[in-house]
Amino acid sequence: MAKELVMKEKVDILAGTINSSATLAISDFAKKEKIPFICTFAKSEKITGEQGHRYVFSVSEIRE
């Protein structure tokens, strides 16, 4: 779906995913295509840690 959004619909940014495995797969695609990707609910440290790159951003709720 991410590939279709970028290649056919010509989106400039990708956002959203729920699970970490999908997030990591889309993150790899975003890196290859140089498309910013904002992940929302996925929590794996790999997303912005060891497999992070300049095109992936993670947002999360604040816990007190």
N, C-alpha and C. Protein backbone atom coordinates (compact mmCIF):
# COMPACT_ATOMS: atom_id res chain seq x y z
N MET A 1 0.82 -1.19 0.00
CA MET A 1 0.00 0.00 0.00
C MET A 1 0.87 1.26 0.00
N ALA A 2 1.95 1.23 0.75
CA ALA A 2 2.84 2.40 0.79
C ALA A 2 3.44 2.65 -0.59
N LYS A 3 3.82 1.60 -1.27
CA LYS A 3 4.40 1.74 -2.61
C LYS A 3 3.38 2.36 -3.57
N GLU A 4 2.15 1.90 -3.49
CA GLU A 4 1.10 2.44 -4.35
C GLU A 4 0.87 3.93 -4.05
N LEU A 5 0.84 4.28 -2.78
CA LEU A 5 0.64 5.68 -2.41
C LEU A 5 1.74 6.57 -2.98
N VAL A 6 2.97 6.10 -2.91
CA VAL A 6 4.10 6.90 -3.40
C VAL A 6 4.17 6.91 -4.92
N MET A 7 4.09 5.74 -5.53
CA MET A 7 4.29 5.63 -6.97
C MET A 7 3.08 6.08 -7.80
N LYS A 8 1.88 5.71 -7.37
CA LYS A 8 0.69 6.04 -8.17
C LYS A 8 0.00 7.31 -7.71
N GLU A 9 -0.11 7.49 -6.41
CA GLU A 9 -0.84 8.65 -5.89
C GLU A 9 0.07 9.86 -5.67
N LYS A 10 1.37 9.65 -5.77
CA LYS A 10 2.37 10.72 -5.68
C LYS A 10 2.33 11.48 -4.34
N VAL A 11 2.13 10.74 -3.25
CA VAL A 11 2.15 11.40 -1.93
C VAL A 11 3.57 11.84 -1.59
N ASP A 12 3.68 12.86 -0.77
CA ASP A 12 4.98 13.39 -0.37
C ASP A 12 5.45 12.89 0.99
N ILE A 13 4.54 12.29 1.76
CA ILE A 13 4.86 11.83 3.10
C ILE A 13 3.96 10.63 3.44
N LEU A 14 4.50 9.70 4.20
CA LEU A 14 3.73 8.55 4.68
C LEU A 14 3.55 8.70 6.18
N ALA A 15 2.41 8.28 6.68
CA ALA A 15 2.16 8.36 8.13
C ALA A 15 1.27 7.20 8.56
N GLY A 16 1.49 6.76 9.80
CA GLY A 16 0.66 5.73 10.38
C GLY A 16 1.20 4.34 10.20
N THR A 17 0.90 3.49 11.04
CA THR A 17 1.10 2.05 11.09
C THR A 17 0.77 1.67 12.52
N ILE A 18 0.43 0.42 12.70
CA ILE A 18 0.06 -0.01 14.05
C ILE A 18 1.10 -0.94 14.63
N ASN A 19 1.53 -1.93 13.87
CA ASN A 19 2.49 -2.88 14.46
C ASN A 19 3.91 -2.61 13.99
N SER A 20 4.85 -3.05 14.79
CA SER A 20 6.26 -2.76 14.53
C SER A 20 6.80 -3.43 13.27
N SER A 21 6.35 -4.64 12.96
CA SER A 21 6.87 -5.31 11.77
C SER A 21 6.47 -4.58 10.49
N ALA A 22 5.24 -4.11 10.42
CA ALA A 22 4.81 -3.33 9.26
C ALA A 22 5.56 -2.00 9.21
N THR A 23 5.76 -1.41 10.37
CA THR A 23 6.48 -0.14 10.43
C THR A 23 7.90 -0.29 9.92
N LEU A 24 8.58 -1.36 10.31
CA LEU A 24 9.96 -1.57 9.84
C LEU A 24 10.01 -1.79 8.33
N ALA A 25 9.03 -2.52 7.79
CA ALA A 25 8.99 -2.75 6.34
C ALA A 25 8.75 -1.44 5.59
N ILE A 26 7.81 -0.64 6.04
CA ILE A 26 7.53 0.63 5.38
C ILE A 26 8.70 1.60 5.57
N SER A 27 9.34 1.52 6.72
CA SER A 27 10.51 2.35 6.97
C SER A 27 11.61 2.08 5.96
N ASP A 28 11.85 0.81 5.66
CA ASP A 28 12.85 0.45 4.64
C ASP A 28 12.48 1.05 3.28
N PHE A 29 11.21 0.95 2.92
CA PHE A 29 10.73 1.51 1.66
C PHE A 29 10.90 3.04 1.65
N ALA A 30 10.53 3.69 2.75
CA ALA A 30 10.65 5.14 2.84
C ALA A 30 12.10 5.59 2.69
N LYS A 31 13.00 4.84 3.29
CA LYS A 31 14.43 5.16 3.18
C LYS A 31 14.89 5.05 1.73
N LYS A 32 14.50 3.96 1.07
CA LYS A 32 14.89 3.74 -0.32
C LYS A 32 14.36 4.84 -1.24
N GLU A 33 13.12 5.25 -1.00
CA GLU A 33 12.47 6.25 -1.86
C GLU A 33 12.68 7.69 -1.38
N LYS A 34 13.32 7.84 -0.22
CA LYS A 34 13.57 9.16 0.37
C LYS A 34 12.27 9.93 0.62
N ILE A 35 11.33 9.22 1.24
CA ILE A 35 10.02 9.77 1.58
C ILE A 35 9.92 9.83 3.11
N PRO A 36 9.63 10.97 3.70
CA PRO A 36 9.45 11.02 5.14
C PRO A 36 8.32 10.08 5.59
N PHE A 37 8.54 9.40 6.69
CA PHE A 37 7.58 8.45 7.23
C PHE A 37 7.40 8.70 8.72
N ILE A 38 6.19 9.02 9.12
CA ILE A 38 5.87 9.25 10.52
C ILE A 38 5.11 8.03 11.04
N CYS A 39 5.71 7.32 11.98
CA CYS A 39 5.02 6.16 12.55
C CYS A 39 4.35 6.59 13.85
N THR A 40 3.18 6.01 14.11
CA THR A 40 2.38 6.47 15.23
C THR A 40 2.35 5.49 16.39
N PHE A 41 1.81 4.31 16.23
CA PHE A 41 1.57 3.42 17.36
C PHE A 41 2.66 2.38 17.59
N ALA A 42 3.47 2.09 16.61
CA ALA A 42 4.50 1.07 16.77
C ALA A 42 5.53 1.52 17.80
N LYS A 43 6.02 0.59 18.60
CA LYS A 43 6.88 0.97 19.73
C LYS A 43 8.29 0.35 19.70
N SER A 44 8.61 -0.45 18.72
CA SER A 44 9.91 -1.12 18.70
C SER A 44 11.06 -0.12 18.71
N GLU A 45 12.05 -0.40 19.52
CA GLU A 45 13.26 0.44 19.58
C GLU A 45 14.01 0.44 18.25
N LYS A 46 13.83 -0.59 17.44
CA LYS A 46 14.53 -0.69 16.16
C LYS A 46 14.11 0.39 15.17
N ILE A 47 12.90 0.90 15.33
CA ILE A 47 12.34 1.85 14.37
C ILE A 47 13.19 3.12 14.27
N THR A 48 13.52 3.70 15.38
CA THR A 48 14.35 4.90 15.35
C THR A 48 15.72 4.66 15.94
N GLY A 49 15.98 3.45 16.40
CA GLY A 49 17.28 3.10 16.97
C GLY A 49 18.18 2.47 15.95
N GLU A 50 18.45 1.18 16.09
CA GLU A 50 19.43 0.50 15.25
C GLU A 50 19.08 0.49 13.76
N GLN A 51 17.79 0.53 13.41
CA GLN A 51 17.40 0.55 12.00
C GLN A 51 16.83 1.91 11.58
N GLY A 52 17.00 2.89 12.44
CA GLY A 52 16.50 4.22 12.13
C GLY A 52 17.31 4.90 11.04
N HIS A 53 16.74 5.93 10.47
CA HIS A 53 17.40 6.68 9.41
C HIS A 53 16.79 8.08 9.34
N ARG A 54 17.27 8.90 8.47
CA ARG A 54 16.86 10.30 8.42
C ARG A 54 15.45 10.52 7.89
N TYR A 55 14.77 9.50 7.41
CA TYR A 55 13.43 9.66 6.87
C TYR A 55 12.33 9.09 7.77
N VAL A 56 12.68 8.53 8.91
CA VAL A 56 11.67 7.95 9.80
C VAL A 56 11.58 8.75 11.10
N PHE A 57 10.33 9.00 11.51
CA PHE A 57 10.06 9.75 12.73
C PHE A 57 8.99 9.01 13.52
N SER A 58 9.11 9.03 14.82
CA SER A 58 8.16 8.34 15.67
C SER A 58 7.51 9.33 16.62
N VAL A 59 6.20 9.23 16.74
CA VAL A 59 5.47 10.05 17.70
C VAL A 59 4.74 9.10 18.66
N SER A 60 4.60 9.51 19.88
CA SER A 60 3.87 8.68 20.85
C SER A 60 3.25 9.55 21.91
N GLU A 61 2.36 8.95 22.64
CA GLU A 61 1.69 9.67 23.71
C GLU A 61 2.65 9.89 24.87
N ILE A 62 2.38 10.90 25.66
CA ILE A 62 3.19 11.20 26.83
C ILE A 62 2.64 10.38 28.00
N ARG A 63 3.53 9.69 28.67
CA ARG A 63 3.12 8.90 29.84
C ARG A 63 3.64 9.58 31.09
N GLU A 64 2.78 9.68 32.06
CA GLU A 64 3.18 10.31 33.33
C GLU A 64 3.22 9.29 34.43
